[in-house]
PDB file of N, CA and C in Angstrom:
ATOM      1  N   UNK A   1     -71.368-110.474 -36.142  1.00  0.00           N
ATOM      2  CA  UNK A   1     -70.160-110.563 -35.817  1.00  0.00           C
ATOM      3  C   UNK A   1     -68.760-111.770 -35.372  1.00  0.00           C
ATOM      4  N   UNK A   2     -67.834-111.278 -35.716  1.00  0.00           N
ATOM      5  CA  UNK A   2     -66.883-113.259 -36.246  1.00  0.00           C
ATOM      6  C   UNK A   2     -67.289-113.556 -34.241  1.00  0.00           C
ATOM      7  N   UNK A   3     -66.749-112.483 -34.019  1.00  0.00           N
ATOM      8  CA  UNK A   3     -66.490-113.338 -31.896  1.00  0.00           C
ATOM      9  C   UNK A   3     -68.201-113.893 -31.922  1.00  0.00           C
ATOM     10  N   UNK A   4     -69.142-113.260 -31.578  1.00  0.00           N
ATOM     11  CA  UNK A   4     -70.202-114.375 -31.743  1.00  0.00           C
ATOM     12  C   UNK A   4     -70.683-114.956 -32.448  1.00  0.00           C
ATOM     13  N   UNK A   5     -69.665-115.434 -33.015  1.00  0.00           N
ATOM     14  CA  UNK A   5     -69.944-117.024 -34.054  1.00  0.00           C
ATOM     15  C   UNK A   5     -69.050-117.468 -33.412  1.00  0.00           C
ATOM     16  N   UNK A   6     -67.842-116.734 -33.043  1.00  0.00           N
ATOM     17  CA  UNK A   6     -66.650-118.421 -32.526  1.00  0.00           C
ATOM     18  C   UNK A   6     -67.226-118.597 -31.205  1.00  0.00           C
ATOM     19  N   UNK A   7     -67.771-117.730 -30.301  1.00  0.00           N
ATOM     20  CA  UNK A   7     -68.494-118.480 -28.938  1.00  0.00           C
ATOM     21  C   UNK A   7     -69.681-119.754 -29.217  1.00  0.00           C
ATOM     22  N   UNK A   8     -70.120-119.318 -30.035  1.00  0.00           N
ATOM     23  CA  UNK A   8     -71.466-120.534 -30.309  1.00  0.00           C
ATOM     24  C   UNK A   8     -71.095-121.324 -30.680  1.00  0.00           C
ATOM     25  N   UNK A   9     -69.992-120.958 -32.417  1.00  0.00           N
ATOM     26  CA  UNK A   9     -69.433-121.963 -33.222  1.00  0.00           C
ATOM     27  C   UNK A   9     -68.610-123.194 -32.460  1.00  0.00           C
ATOM     28  N   UNK A  10     -67.958-122.424 -30.984  1.00  0.00           N
ATOM     29  CA  UNK A  10     -66.603-123.477 -31.114  1.00  0.00           C
ATOM     30  C   UNK A  10     -67.849-124.470 -30.185  1.00  0.00           C
ATOM     31  N   UNK A  11     -68.556-124.555 -28.949  1.00  0.00           N
ATOM     32  CA  UNK A  11     -69.385-124.808 -28.394  1.00  0.00           C
ATOM     33  C   UNK A  11     -70.089-126.185 -28.792  1.00  0.00           C
ATOM     34  N   UNK A  12     -70.957-125.760 -30.259  1.00  0.00           N
ATOM     35  CA  UNK A  12     -71.770-126.069 -31.108  1.00  0.00           C
ATOM     36  C   UNK A  12     -70.450-127.161 -31.414  1.00  0.00           C
ATOM     37  N   UNK A  13     -69.331-127.194 -32.430  1.00  0.00           N
ATOM     38  CA  UNK A  13     -68.624-128.353 -32.573  1.00  0.00           C
ATOM     39  C   UNK A  13     -68.520-129.955 -31.963  1.00  0.00           C
ATOM     40  N   UNK A  14     -67.847-128.756 -30.435  1.00  0.00           N
ATOM     41  CA  UNK A  14     -67.998-129.575 -29.326  1.00  0.00           C
ATOM     42  C   UNK A  14     -68.419-130.954 -29.369  1.00  0.00           C
ATOM     43  N   UNK A  15     -70.221-130.645 -29.475  1.00  0.00           N
ATOM     44  CA  UNK A  15     -71.322-130.884 -28.489  1.00  0.00           C
ATOM     45  C   UNK A  15     -71.676-132.583 -29.829  1.00  0.00           C
ATOM     46  N   UNK A  16     -71.129-131.422 -31.317  1.00  0.00           N
ATOM     47  CA  UNK A  16     -71.309-132.658 -31.883  1.00  0.00           C
ATOM     48  C   UNK A  16     -70.372-133.664 -32.260  1.00  0.00           C
ATOM     49  N   UNK A  17     -69.301-133.199 -31.761  1.00  0.00           N
ATOM     50  CA  UNK A  17     -67.988-134.354 -31.902  1.00  0.00           C
ATOM     51  C   UNK A  17     -68.526-135.023 -30.675  1.00  0.00           C
ATOM     52  N   UNK A  18     -68.857-134.973 -29.583  1.00  0.00           N
ATOM     53  CA  UNK A  18     -69.357-135.823 -28.315  1.00  0.00           C
ATOM     54  C   UNK A  18     -70.071-136.908 -28.698  1.00  0.00           C
ATOM     55  N   UNK A  19     -71.621-135.893 -29.928  1.00  0.00           N
ATOM     56  CA  UNK A  19     -72.343-136.911 -30.075  1.00  0.00           C
ATOM     57  C   UNK A  19     -72.198-138.114 -30.731  1.00  0.00           C
ATOM     58  N   UNK A  20     -71.151-137.778 -31.796  1.00  0.00           N
ATOM     59  CA  UNK A  20     -70.024-138.358 -32.882  1.00  0.00           C
ATOM     60  C   UNK A  20     -70.054-140.179 -31.990  1.00  0.00           C
ATOM     61  N   UNK A  21     -68.850-139.078 -31.046  1.00  0.00           N
ATOM     62  CA  UNK A  21     -68.565-140.285 -30.652  1.00  0.00           C
ATOM     63  C   UNK A  21     -68.923-140.538 -29.847  1.00  0.00           C
ATOM     64  N   UNK A  22     -69.946-140.280 -29.078  1.00  0.00           N
ATOM     65  CA  UNK A  22     -71.199-141.336 -27.744  1.00  0.00           C
ATOM     66  C   UNK A  22     -71.287-141.928 -28.905  1.00  0.00           C
ATOM     67  N   UNK A  23     -72.297-141.222 -30.262  1.00  0.00           N
ATOM     68  CA  UNK A  23     -73.069-143.153 -31.255  1.00  0.00           C
ATOM     69  C   UNK A  23     -71.877-143.864 -31.158  1.00  0.00           C
ATOM     70  N   UNK A  24     -70.728-143.374 -31.780  1.00  0.00           N
ATOM     71  CA  UNK A  24     -69.991-144.048 -32.014  1.00  0.00           C
ATOM     72  C   UNK A  24     -69.289-145.696 -30.704  1.00  0.00           C
ATOM     73  N   UNK A  25     -69.320-145.237 -29.908  1.00  0.00           N
ATOM     74  CA  UNK A  25     -69.052-145.743 -28.535  1.00  0.00           C
ATOM     75  C   UNK A  25     -70.555-147.139 -28.272  1.00  0.00           C
ATOM     76  N   UNK A  26     -71.565-146.780 -28.512  1.00  0.00           N
ATOM     77  CA  UNK A  26     -73.319-147.032 -28.401  1.00  0.00           C
ATOM     78  C   UNK A  26     -73.245-148.089 -29.454  1.00  0.00           C
ATOM     79  N   UNK A  27     -73.011-147.529 -30.913  1.00  0.00           N
ATOM     80  CA  UNK A  27     -72.866-148.364 -32.222  1.00  0.00           C
ATOM     81  C   UNK A  27     -71.568-148.939 -32.441  1.00  0.00           C
ATOM     82  N   UNK A  28     -70.544-149.382 -32.710  1.00  0.00           N
ATOM     83  CA  UNK A  28     -69.616-150.125 -32.615  1.00  0.00           C
ATOM     84  C   UNK A  28     -70.138-150.459 -34.446  1.00  0.00           C
ATOM     85  N   UNK A  29     -69.299-149.954 -35.463  1.00  0.00           N
ATOM     86  CA  UNK A  29     -69.586-150.149 -36.852  1.00  0.00           C
ATOM     87  C   UNK A  29     -67.706-150.801 -37.288  1.00  0.00           C
ATOM     88  N   UNK A  30     -67.444-152.041 -37.000  1.00  0.00           N
ATOM     89  CA  UNK A  30     -65.990-152.566 -38.319  1.00  0.00           C
ATOM     90  C   UNK A  30     -65.984-152.231 -39.650  1.00  0.00           C
TER      91      UNK A  30
END
């Protein structure tokens, strides 16, 4: 079901992005 996949896919991407941003802020690498 595409609808269910999107419902679970959107929050997954948001969580991944939030984690990546938090890691970048915690360990900034020039």
